[in-house]
Amino acid sequence: DESGGGWVQAGASLFLSCAASGRTFNSGTMGWFRQAPGKEREFVAAVR
């Protein structure tokens, strides 16, 4: 479940959050991707 998106002006900040439910990941990877209109989904960041 993601939250925190919105509309801002250039130079501003936003904070996104993603809560995982259903299991606990003892080992794993979680990441953020993004997709702009007409473009492929691209990698942003990940933690392992």
All heavy atoms as atom14 arrays in JSON, in Angstrom:
{
  "sequence": "DESGGGWVQAGASLFLSCAASGRTFNSGTMGWFRQAPGKEREFVAAVR",
  "atom14_mask": [
    [1, 1, 1, 1, 1, 1, 1, 1, 0, 0, 0, 0, 0, 0],
    [1, 1, 1, 1, 1, 1, 1, 1, 1, 0, 0, 0, 0, 0],
    [1, 1, 1, 1, 1, 1, 0, 0, 0, 0, 0, 0, 0, 0],
    [1, 1, 1, 1, 0, 0, 0, 0, 0, 0, 0, 0, 0, 0],
    [1, 1, 1, 1, 0, 0, 0, 0, 0, 0, 0, 0, 0, 0],
    [1, 1, 1, 1, 0, 0, 0, 0, 0, 0, 0, 0, 0, 0],
    [1, 1, 1, 1, 1, 1, 1, 1, 1, 1, 1, 1, 1, 1],
    [1, 1, 1, 1, 1, 1, 1, 0, 0, 0, 0, 0, 0, 0],
    [1, 1, 1, 1, 1, 1, 1, 1, 1, 0, 0, 0, 0, 0],
    [1, 1, 1, 1, 1, 0, 0, 0, 0, 0, 0, 0, 0, 0],
    [1, 1, 1, 1, 0, 0, 0, 0, 0, 0, 0, 0, 0, 0],
    [1, 1, 1, 1, 1, 0, 0, 0, 0, 0, 0, 0, 0, 0],
    [1, 1, 1, 1, 1, 1, 0, 0, 0, 0, 0, 0, 0, 0],
    [1, 1, 1, 1, 1, 1, 1, 1, 0, 0, 0, 0, 0, 0],
    [1, 1, 1, 1, 1, 1, 1, 1, 1, 1, 1, 0, 0, 0],
    [1, 1, 1, 1, 1, 1, 1, 1, 0, 0, 0, 0, 0, 0],
    [1, 1, 1, 1, 1, 1, 0, 0, 0, 0, 0, 0, 0, 0],
    [1, 1, 1, 1, 1, 1, 0, 0, 0, 0, 0, 0, 0, 0],
    [1, 1, 1, 1, 1, 0, 0, 0, 0, 0, 0, 0, 0, 0],
    [1, 1, 1, 1, 1, 0, 0, 0, 0, 0, 0, 0, 0, 0],
    [1, 1, 1, 1, 1, 1, 0, 0, 0, 0, 0, 0, 0, 0],
    [1, 1, 1, 1, 0, 0, 0, 0, 0, 0, 0, 0, 0, 0],
    [1, 1, 1, 1, 1, 1, 1, 1, 1, 1, 1, 0, 0, 0],
    [1, 1, 1, 1, 1, 1, 1, 0, 0, 0, 0, 0, 0, 0],
    [1, 1, 1, 1, 1, 1, 1, 1, 1, 1, 1, 0, 0, 0],
    [1, 1, 1, 1, 1, 1, 1, 1, 0, 0, 0, 0, 0, 0],
    [1, 1, 1, 1, 1, 1, 0, 0, 0, 0, 0, 0, 0, 0],
    [1, 1, 1, 1, 0, 0, 0, 0, 0, 0, 0, 0, 0, 0],
    [1, 1, 1, 1, 1, 1, 1, 0, 0, 0, 0, 0, 0, 0],
    [1, 1, 1, 1, 1, 1, 1, 1, 0, 0, 0, 0, 0, 0],
    [1, 1, 1, 1, 0, 0, 0, 0, 0, 0, 0, 0, 0, 0],
    [1, 1, 1, 1, 1, 1, 1, 1, 1, 1, 1, 1, 1, 1],
    [1, 1, 1, 1, 1, 1, 1, 1, 1, 1, 1, 0, 0, 0],
    [1, 1, 1, 1, 1, 1, 1, 1, 1, 1, 1, 0, 0, 0],
    [1, 1, 1, 1, 1, 1, 1, 1, 1, 0, 0, 0, 0, 0],
    [1, 1, 1, 1, 1, 0, 0, 0, 0, 0, 0, 0, 0, 0],
    [1, 1, 1, 1, 1, 1, 1, 0, 0, 0, 0, 0, 0, 0],
    [1, 1, 1, 1, 0, 0, 0, 0, 0, 0, 0, 0, 0, 0],
    [1, 1, 1, 1, 1, 1, 1, 1, 1, 0, 0, 0, 0, 0],
    [1, 1, 1, 1, 1, 1, 1, 1, 1, 0, 0, 0, 0, 0],
    [1, 1, 1, 1, 1, 1, 1, 1, 1, 1, 1, 0, 0, 0],
    [1, 1, 1, 1, 1, 1, 1, 1, 1, 0, 0, 0, 0, 0],
    [1, 1, 1, 1, 1, 1, 1, 1, 1, 1, 1, 0, 0, 0],
    [1, 1, 1, 1, 1, 1, 1, 0, 0, 0, 0, 0, 0, 0],
    [1, 1, 1, 1, 1, 0, 0, 0, 0, 0, 0, 0, 0, 0],
    [1, 1, 1, 1, 1, 0, 0, 0, 0, 0, 0, 0, 0, 0],
    [1, 1, 1, 1, 1, 1, 1, 0, 0, 0, 0, 0, 0, 0],
    [1, 1, 1, 1, 1, 1, 1, 1, 1, 1, 1, 0, 0, 0]
  ],
  "atom14_positions": [
    [[0.85, -1.2, 0.0], [0.0, 0.0, 0.0], [0.88, 1.24, 0.0], [1.6, 1.49, 0.97], [-0.92, 0.01, 1.22], [-1.96, -1.09, 1.14], [-2.52, -1.3, 0.05], [-2.21, -1.74, 2.17], [0.0, 0.0, 0.0], [0.0, 0.0, 0.0], [0.0, 0.0, 0.0], [0.0, 0.0, 0.0], [0.0, 0.0, 0.0], [0.0, 0.0, 0.0]],
    [[0.81, 2.02, -1.09], [1.6, 3.22, -1.21], [0.79, 4.44, -0.79], [-0.43, 4.47, -0.93], [2.07, 3.43, -2.66], [2.89, 2.31, -3.22], [2.36, 1.81, -4.54], [1.14, 1.94, -4.76], [3.15, 1.32, -5.35], [0.0, 0.0, 0.0], [0.0, 0.0, 0.0], [0.0, 0.0, 0.0], [0.0, 0.0, 0.0], [0.0, 0.0, 0.0]],
    [[1.5, 5.44, -0.33], [0.86, 6.71, 0.01], [1.88, 7.82, -0.14], [3.08, 7.57, -0.15], [0.3, 6.67, 1.43], [1.34, 6.45, 2.37], [0.0, 0.0, 0.0], [0.0, 0.0, 0.0], [0.0, 0.0, 0.0], [0.0, 0.0, 0.0], [0.0, 0.0, 0.0], [0.0, 0.0, 0.0], [0.0, 0.0, 0.0], [0.0, 0.0, 0.0]],
    [[1.39, 9.06, -0.26], [2.27, 10.21, -0.22], [2.48, 10.94, -1.52], [3.19, 11.95, -1.54], [0.0, 0.0, 0.0], [0.0, 0.0, 0.0], [0.0, 0.0, 0.0], [0.0, 0.0, 0.0], [0.0, 0.0, 0.0], [0.0, 0.0, 0.0], [0.0, 0.0, 0.0], [0.0, 0.0, 0.0], [0.0, 0.0, 0.0], [0.0, 0.0, 0.0]],
    [[1.89, 10.49, -2.6], [2.06, 11.23, -3.85], [1.33, 12.56, -3.8], [0.63, 12.88, -2.85], [0.0, 0.0, 0.0], [0.0, 0.0, 0.0], [0.0, 0.0, 0.0], [0.0, 0.0, 0.0], [0.0, 0.0, 0.0], [0.0, 0.0, 0.0], [0.0, 0.0, 0.0], [0.0, 0.0, 0.0], [0.0, 0.0, 0.0], [0.0, 0.0, 0.0]],
    [[1.51, 13.34, -4.87], [0.82, 14.62, -4.92], [1.4, 15.52, -5.99], [2.19, 15.08, -6.84], [0.0, 0.0, 0.0], [0.0, 0.0, 0.0], [0.0, 0.0, 0.0], [0.0, 0.0, 0.0], [0.0, 0.0, 0.0], [0.0, 0.0, 0.0], [0.0, 0.0, 0.0], [0.0, 0.0, 0.0], [0.0, 0.0, 0.0], [0.0, 0.0, 0.0]],
    [[0.99, 16.77, -5.91], [1.43, 17.79, -6.86], [2.29, 18.81, -6.15], [1.89, 19.33, -5.08], [0.2, 18.47, -7.47], [0.52, 19.56, -8.43], [0.69, 19.47, -9.77], [0.73, 20.94, -8.09], [0.99, 20.7, -10.29], [1.02, 21.61, -9.3], [0.71, 21.67, -6.9], [1.26, 22.98, -9.33], [0.95, 23.04, -6.93], [1.22, 23.67, -8.15]],
    [[3.47, 19.09, -6.71], [4.37, 20.08, -6.12], [5.03, 20.88, -7.23], [5.03, 20.47, -8.39], [5.46, 19.43, -5.24], [4.87, 18.74, -4.03], [6.31, 18.47, -6.05], [0.0, 0.0, 0.0], [0.0, 0.0, 0.0], [0.0, 0.0, 0.0], [0.0, 0.0, 0.0], [0.0, 0.0, 0.0], [0.0, 0.0, 0.0], [0.0, 0.0, 0.0]],
    [[5.63, 21.98, -6.84], [6.42, 22.76, -7.79], [7.86, 22.26, -7.81], [8.34, 21.65, -6.84], [6.37, 24.24, -7.41], [5.0, 24.85, -7.59], [5.01, 26.34, -7.39], [5.76, 26.86, -6.57], [4.16, 27.05, -8.13], [0.0, 0.0, 0.0], [0.0, 0.0, 0.0], [0.0, 0.0, 0.0], [0.0, 0.0, 0.0], [0.0, 0.0, 0.0]],
    [[8.55, 22.54, -8.87], [9.94, 22.12, -9.0], [10.76, 22.66, -7.83], [10.57, 23.8, -7.4], [10.52, 22.62, -10.31], [0.0, 0.0, 0.0], [0.0, 0.0, 0.0], [0.0, 0.0, 0.0], [0.0, 0.0, 0.0], [0.0, 0.0, 0.0], [0.0, 0.0, 0.0], [0.0, 0.0, 0.0], [0.0, 0.0, 0.0], [0.0, 0.0, 0.0]],
    [[11.63, 21.8, -7.31], [12.46, 22.17, -6.17], [11.9, 21.74, -4.83], [12.62, 21.73, -3.82], [0.0, 0.0, 0.0], [0.0, 0.0, 0.0], [0.0, 0.0, 0.0], [0.0, 0.0, 0.0], [0.0, 0.0, 0.0], [0.0, 0.0, 0.0], [0.0, 0.0, 0.0], [0.0, 0.0, 0.0], [0.0, 0.0, 0.0], [0.0, 0.0, 0.0]],
    [[10.65, 21.37, -4.81], [10.0, 20.96, -3.56], [10.32, 19.5, -3.23], [11.06, 18.82, -3.96], [8.5, 21.16, -3.66], [0.0, 0.0, 0.0], [0.0, 0.0, 0.0], [0.0, 0.0, 0.0], [0.0, 0.0, 0.0], [0.0, 0.0, 0.0], [0.0, 0.0, 0.0], [0.0, 0.0, 0.0], [0.0, 0.0, 0.0], [0.0, 0.0, 0.0]],
    [[9.75, 19.03, -2.12], [10.0, 17.67, -1.65], [8.68, 16.92, -1.48], [7.63, 17.54, -1.23], [10.73, 17.69, -0.3], [11.97, 18.33, -0.41], [0.0, 0.0, 0.0], [0.0, 0.0, 0.0], [0.0, 0.0, 0.0], [0.0, 0.0, 0.0], [0.0, 0.0, 0.0], [0.0, 0.0, 0.0], [0.0, 0.0, 0.0], [0.0, 0.0, 0.0]],
    [[8.76, 15.61, -1.59], [7.64, 14.73, -1.3], [8.18, 13.5, -0.6], [9.34, 13.11, -0.81], [6.91, 14.31, -2.57], [5.86, 15.24, -3.16], [5.32, 14.69, -4.46], [4.73, 15.49, -2.17], [0.0, 0.0, 0.0], [0.0, 0.0, 0.0], [0.0, 0.0, 0.0], [0.0, 0.0, 0.0], [0.0, 0.0, 0.0], [0.0, 0.0, 0.0]],
    [[7.3, 12.87, 0.18], [7.67, 11.67, 0.92], [6.69, 10.56, 0.58], [5.48, 10.73, 0.77], [7.64, 11.98, 2.42], [8.04, 10.85, 3.31], [9.36, 10.56, 3.53], [7.08, 10.08, 3.95], [9.73, 9.53, 4.37], [7.42, 9.04, 4.78], [8.76, 8.77, 4.99], [0.0, 0.0, 0.0], [0.0, 0.0, 0.0], [0.0, 0.0, 0.0]],
    [[7.19, 9.47, 0.07], [6.36, 8.33, -0.26], [6.58, 7.21, 0.75], [7.7, 7.03, 1.24], [6.67, 7.79, -1.66], [6.59, 8.76, -2.83], [6.86, 8.02, -4.14], [5.25, 9.47, -2.87], [0.0, 0.0, 0.0], [0.0, 0.0, 0.0], [0.0, 0.0, 0.0], [0.0, 0.0, 0.0], [0.0, 0.0, 0.0], [0.0, 0.0, 0.0]],
    [[5.52, 6.48, 1.02], [5.61, 5.37, 1.95], [4.94, 4.15, 1.35], [3.94, 4.28, 0.62], [4.94, 5.74, 3.27], [5.05, 4.69, 4.21], [0.0, 0.0, 0.0], [0.0, 0.0, 0.0], [0.0, 0.0, 0.0], [0.0, 0.0, 0.0], [0.0, 0.0, 0.0], [0.0, 0.0, 0.0], [0.0, 0.0, 0.0], [0.0, 0.0, 0.0]],
    [[5.47, 2.97, 1.64], [4.91, 1.72, 1.14], [4.9, 0.71, 2.28], [5.96, 0.32, 2.77], [5.73, 1.2, -0.02], [5.27, -0.45, -0.58], [0.0, 0.0, 0.0], [0.0, 0.0, 0.0], [0.0, 0.0, 0.0], [0.0, 0.0, 0.0], [0.0, 0.0, 0.0], [0.0, 0.0, 0.0], [0.0, 0.0, 0.0], [0.0, 0.0, 0.0]],
    [[3.71, 0.31, 2.68], [3.57, -0.66, 3.76], [3.23, -2.03, 3.2], [2.29, -2.16, 2.41], [2.47, -0.2, 4.72], [0.0, 0.0, 0.0], [0.0, 0.0, 0.0], [0.0, 0.0, 0.0], [0.0, 0.0, 0.0], [0.0, 0.0, 0.0], [0.0, 0.0, 0.0], [0.0, 0.0, 0.0], [0.0, 0.0, 0.0], [0.0, 0.0, 0.0]],
    [[3.99, -3.03, 3.6], [3.76, -4.39, 3.15], [2.98, -5.15, 4.22], [3.33, -5.12, 5.39], [5.08, -5.09, 2.87], [0.0, 0.0, 0.0], [0.0, 0.0, 0.0], [0.0, 0.0, 0.0], [0.0, 0.0, 0.0], [0.0, 0.0, 0.0], [0.0, 0.0, 0.0], [0.0, 0.0, 0.0], [0.0, 0.0, 0.0], [0.0, 0.0, 0.0]],
    [[1.95, -5.84, 3.81], [1.16, -6.65, 4.73], [0.99, -8.05, 4.15], [1.09, -8.25, 2.95], [-0.21, -6.02, 4.97], [-0.93, -5.89, 3.76], [0.0, 0.0, 0.0], [0.0, 0.0, 0.0], [0.0, 0.0, 0.0], [0.0, 0.0, 0.0], [0.0, 0.0, 0.0], [0.0, 0.0, 0.0], [0.0, 0.0, 0.0], [0.0, 0.0, 0.0]],
    [[0.75, -9.0, 5.02], [0.53, -10.36, 4.58], [1.68, -11.29, 4.9], [1.5, -12.5, 4.94], [0.0, 0.0, 0.0], [0.0, 0.0, 0.0], [0.0, 0.0, 0.0], [0.0, 0.0, 0.0], [0.0, 0.0, 0.0], [0.0, 0.0, 0.0], [0.0, 0.0, 0.0], [0.0, 0.0, 0.0], [0.0, 0.0, 0.0], [0.0, 0.0, 0.0]],
    [[2.87, -10.72, 5.08], [4.0, -11.55, 5.48], [5.13, -10.64, 5.91], [5.13, -9.44, 5.62], [4.48, -12.46, 4.35], [5.0, -11.75, 3.14], [5.75, -12.67, 2.22], [7.02, -13.06, 2.8], [7.85, -13.93, 2.26], [7.52, -14.52, 1.14], [9.0, -14.23, 2.82], [0.0, 0.0, 0.0], [0.0, 0.0, 0.0], [0.0, 0.0, 0.0]],
    [[6.08, -11.23, 6.59], [7.28, -10.5, 6.98], [8.44, -11.0, 6.14], [8.64, -12.21, 6.0], [7.6, -10.74, 8.47], [6.5, -10.27, 9.25], [8.86, -9.99, 8.86], [0.0, 0.0, 0.0], [0.0, 0.0, 0.0], [0.0, 0.0, 0.0], [0.0, 0.0, 0.0], [0.0, 0.0, 0.0], [0.0, 0.0, 0.0], [0.0, 0.0, 0.0]],
    [[9.18, -10.07, 5.58], [10.28, -10.43, 4.71], [11.56, -10.53, 5.53], [12.19, -9.51, 5.84], [10.45, -9.38, 3.6], [9.3, -9.32, 2.64], [8.21, -8.51, 2.9], [9.3, -10.09, 1.5], [7.14, -8.44, 2.01], [8.23, -10.03, 0.6], [7.15, -9.21, 0.86], [0.0, 0.0, 0.0], [0.0, 0.0, 0.0], [0.0, 0.0, 0.0]],
    [[11.96, -11.72, 5.86], [13.21, -11.89, 6.6], [14.42, -11.63, 5.71], [15.45, -11.18, 6.18], [13.28, -13.29, 7.21], [12.2, -13.51, 8.25], [11.95, -12.65, 9.09], [11.54, -14.65, 8.2], [0.0, 0.0, 0.0], [0.0, 0.0, 0.0], [0.0, 0.0, 0.0], [0.0, 0.0, 0.0], [0.0, 0.0, 0.0], [0.0, 0.0, 0.0]],
    [[14.3, -11.96, 4.48], [15.27, -11.6, 3.46], [14.47, -11.09, 2.28], [13.38, -11.6, 2.02], [16.12, -12.79, 3.04], [16.93, -13.24, 4.09], [0.0, 0.0, 0.0], [0.0, 0.0, 0.0], [0.0, 0.0, 0.0], [0.0, 0.0, 0.0], [0.0, 0.0, 0.0], [0.0, 0.0, 0.0], [0.0, 0.0, 0.0], [0.0, 0.0, 0.0]],
    [[15.02, -10.13, 1.59], [14.26, -9.65, 0.45], [14.79, -8.36, -0.14], [15.88, -7.89, 0.2], [0.0, 0.0, 0.0], [0.0, 0.0, 0.0], [0.0, 0.0, 0.0], [0.0, 0.0, 0.0], [0.0, 0.0, 0.0], [0.0, 0.0, 0.0], [0.0, 0.0, 0.0], [0.0, 0.0, 0.0], [0.0, 0.0, 0.0], [0.0, 0.0, 0.0]],
    [[14.0, -7.84, -1.01], [14.29, -6.58, -1.7], [12.99, -5.8, -1.81], [11.95, -6.36, -2.13], [14.82, -6.84, -3.12], [15.99, -7.67, -3.04], [15.15, -5.54, -3.83], [0.0, 0.0, 0.0], [0.0, 0.0, 0.0], [0.0, 0.0, 0.0], [0.0, 0.0, 0.0], [0.0, 0.0, 0.0], [0.0, 0.0, 0.0], [0.0, 0.0, 0.0]],
    [[13.08, -4.52, -1.52], [11.94, -3.62, -1.76], [12.45, -2.42, -2.52], [13.55, -1.93, -2.24], [11.26, -3.19, -0.47], [10.5, -4.33, 0.21], [9.53, -3.79, 1.64], [8.15, -2.97, 0.82], [0.0, 0.0, 0.0], [0.0, 0.0, 0.0], [0.0, 0.0, 0.0], [0.0, 0.0, 0.0], [0.0, 0.0, 0.0], [0.0, 0.0, 0.0]],
    [[11.66, -2.0, -3.47], [12.14, -0.91, -4.31], [11.03, -0.01, -4.8], [9.84, -0.28, -4.58], [0.0, 0.0, 0.0], [0.0, 0.0, 0.0], [0.0, 0.0, 0.0], [0.0, 0.0, 0.0], [0.0, 0.0, 0.0], [0.0, 0.0, 0.0], [0.0, 0.0, 0.0], [0.0, 0.0, 0.0], [0.0, 0.0, 0.0], [0.0, 0.0, 0.0]],
    [[11.45, 1.05, -5.44], [10.55, 2.0, -6.07], [10.88, 2.09, -7.55], [12.05, 2.16, -7.93], [10.68, 3.39, -5.44], [10.16, 3.47, -4.06], [10.86, 3.34, -2.9], [8.8, 3.73, -3.67], [10.03, 3.48, -1.81], [8.76, 3.72, -2.26], [7.61, 3.94, -4.37], [7.57, 3.94, -1.55], [6.44, 4.16, -3.67], [6.42, 4.16, -2.27]],
    [[9.83, 2.08, -8.34], [9.92, 2.28, -9.77], [8.98, 3.4, -10.15], [8.11, 3.78, -9.36], [9.54, 1.0, -10.52], [10.53, -0.12, -10.38], [10.59, -0.86, -9.21], [11.42, -0.41, -11.4], [11.51, -1.89, -9.06], [12.34, -1.44, -11.27], [12.38, -2.18, -10.09], [0.0, 0.0, 0.0], [0.0, 0.0, 0.0], [0.0, 0.0, 0.0]],
    [[9.13, 3.92, -11.34], [8.21, 4.95, -11.81], [7.95, 4.79, -13.31], [8.77, 4.23, -14.03], [8.75, 6.34, -11.52], [10.02, 6.71, -12.27], [10.56, 8.04, -11.75], [11.75, 8.46, -12.48], [12.49, 9.52, -12.15], [12.16, 10.26, -11.08], [13.54, 9.86, -12.87], [0.0, 0.0, 0.0], [0.0, 0.0, 0.0], [0.0, 0.0, 0.0]],
    [[6.8, 5.28, -13.7], [6.42, 5.2, -15.1], [5.73, 6.48, -15.52], [4.67, 6.83, -14.97], [5.51, 3.99, -15.34], [5.23, 3.72, -16.8], [4.61, 2.36, -17.02], [4.1, 1.72, -16.1], [4.67, 1.87, -18.24], [0.0, 0.0, 0.0], [0.0, 0.0, 0.0], [0.0, 0.0, 0.0], [0.0, 0.0, 0.0], [0.0, 0.0, 0.0]],
    [[6.34, 7.17, -16.47], [5.76, 8.38, -17.03], [4.91, 8.02, -18.24], [5.12, 6.96, -18.85], [6.87, 9.35, -17.41], [0.0, 0.0, 0.0], [0.0, 0.0, 0.0], [0.0, 0.0, 0.0], [0.0, 0.0, 0.0], [0.0, 0.0, 0.0], [0.0, 0.0, 0.0], [0.0, 0.0, 0.0], [0.0, 0.0, 0.0], [0.0, 0.0, 0.0]],
    [[3.97, 8.87, -18.62], [3.12, 8.57, -19.78], [3.95, 8.3, -21.03], [4.86, 9.07, -21.36], [2.29, 9.84, -19.92], [2.24, 10.41, -18.56], [3.58, 10.11, -17.95], [0.0, 0.0, 0.0], [0.0, 0.0, 0.0], [0.0, 0.0, 0.0], [0.0, 0.0, 0.0], [0.0, 0.0, 0.0], [0.0, 0.0, 0.0], [0.0, 0.0, 0.0]],
    [[3.64, 7.2, -21.7], [4.32, 6.87, -22.93], [5.71, 6.28, -22.77], [6.4, 6.05, -23.77], [0.0, 0.0, 0.0], [0.0, 0.0, 0.0], [0.0, 0.0, 0.0], [0.0, 0.0, 0.0], [0.0, 0.0, 0.0], [0.0, 0.0, 0.0], [0.0, 0.0, 0.0], [0.0, 0.0, 0.0], [0.0, 0.0, 0.0], [0.0, 0.0, 0.0]],
    [[6.12, 6.06, -21.53], [7.46, 5.53, -21.28], [7.39, 4.2, -20.54], [6.38, 3.87, -19.92], [8.29, 6.53, -20.48], [8.58, 7.82, -21.22], [9.54, 8.69, -20.44], [9.88, 9.95, -21.2], [10.87, 10.8, -20.45], [0.0, 0.0, 0.0], [0.0, 0.0, 0.0], [0.0, 0.0, 0.0], [0.0, 0.0, 0.0], [0.0, 0.0, 0.0]],
    [[8.47, 3.46, -20.57], [8.54, 2.21, -19.83], [8.77, 2.48, -18.35], [9.28, 3.52, -17.94], [9.68, 1.34, -20.38], [9.45, 0.84, -21.79], [10.51, -0.15, -22.23], [11.48, -0.35, -21.49], [10.35, -0.74, -23.31], [0.0, 0.0, 0.0], [0.0, 0.0, 0.0], [0.0, 0.0, 0.0], [0.0, 0.0, 0.0], [0.0, 0.0, 0.0]],
    [[8.39, 1.49, -17.55], [8.63, 1.6, -16.12], [10.14, 1.55, -15.86], [10.84, 0.71, -16.42], [7.92, 0.45, -15.39], [7.86, 0.62, -13.9], [6.9, -0.37, -13.27], [5.53, -0.17, -13.74], [4.47, -0.79, -13.23], [4.63, -1.66, -12.24], [3.27, -0.56, -13.71], [0.0, 0.0, 0.0], [0.0, 0.0, 0.0], [0.0, 0.0, 0.0]],
    [[10.61, 2.46, -15.02], [12.04, 2.54, -14.77], [12.35, 2.47, -13.28], [11.55, 2.88, -12.43], [12.62, 3.84, -15.36], [12.14, 5.1, -14.73], [12.86, 6.35, -15.26], [13.63, 6.23, -16.23], [12.67, 7.42, -14.67], [0.0, 0.0, 0.0], [0.0, 0.0, 0.0], [0.0, 0.0, 0.0], [0.0, 0.0, 0.0], [0.0, 0.0, 0.0]],
    [[13.53, 1.99, -13.01], [14.01, 1.82, -11.65], [14.32, 3.17, -11.02], [14.87, 4.07, -11.68], [15.26, 0.95, -11.67], [15.99, 0.85, -10.37], [15.47, 0.1, -9.33], [17.19, 1.5, -10.17], [16.14, -0.01, -8.12], [17.88, 1.4, -8.98], [17.35, 0.65, -7.95], [0.0, 0.0, 0.0], [0.0, 0.0, 0.0], [0.0, 0.0, 0.0]],
    [[14.0, 3.3, -9.73], [14.32, 4.52, -8.98], [15.3, 4.2, -7.87], [16.37, 4.79, -7.79], [13.04, 5.15, -8.41], [13.39, 6.35, -7.51], [12.09, 5.57, -9.52], [0.0, 0.0, 0.0], [0.0, 0.0, 0.0], [0.0, 0.0, 0.0], [0.0, 0.0, 0.0], [0.0, 0.0, 0.0], [0.0, 0.0, 0.0], [0.0, 0.0, 0.0]],
    [[14.93, 3.27, -6.99], [15.78, 2.95, -5.84], [15.35, 1.62, -5.25], [14.21, 1.2, -5.43], [15.69, 4.05, -4.78], [0.0, 0.0, 0.0], [0.0, 0.0, 0.0], [0.0, 0.0, 0.0], [0.0, 0.0, 0.0], [0.0, 0.0, 0.0], [0.0, 0.0, 0.0], [0.0, 0.0, 0.0], [0.0, 0.0, 0.0], [0.0, 0.0, 0.0]],
    [[16.26, 0.98, -4.52], [15.94, -0.29, -3.88], [16.8, -0.49, -2.65], [17.92, 0.03, -2.55], [16.14, -1.46, -4.84], [0.0, 0.0, 0.0], [0.0, 0.0, 0.0], [0.0, 0.0, 0.0], [0.0, 0.0, 0.0], [0.0, 0.0, 0.0], [0.0, 0.0, 0.0], [0.0, 0.0, 0.0], [0.0, 0.0, 0.0], [0.0, 0.0, 0.0]],
    [[16.25, -1.24, -1.72], [16.98, -1.64, -0.52], [16.9, -3.16, -0.4], [15.85, -3.74, -0.68], [16.42, -0.93, 0.74], [14.94, -1.23, 0.95], [17.25, -1.27, 1.96], [0.0, 0.0, 0.0], [0.0, 0.0, 0.0], [0.0, 0.0, 0.0], [0.0, 0.0, 0.0], [0.0, 0.0, 0.0], [0.0, 0.0, 0.0], [0.0, 0.0, 0.0]],
    [[18.0, -3.77, -0.04], [18.09, -5.22, 0.03], [18.61, -5.65, 1.39], [19.44, -4.96, 1.98], [19.02, -5.74, -1.08], [18.54, -5.45, -2.48], [19.55, -5.91, -3.51], [20.67, -5.0, -3.64], [21.71, -5.22, -4.43], [21.78, -6.36, -5.11], [22.68, -4.34, -4.54], [0.0, 0.0, 0.0], [0.0, 0.0, 0.0], [0.0, 0.0, 0.0]]
  ]
}
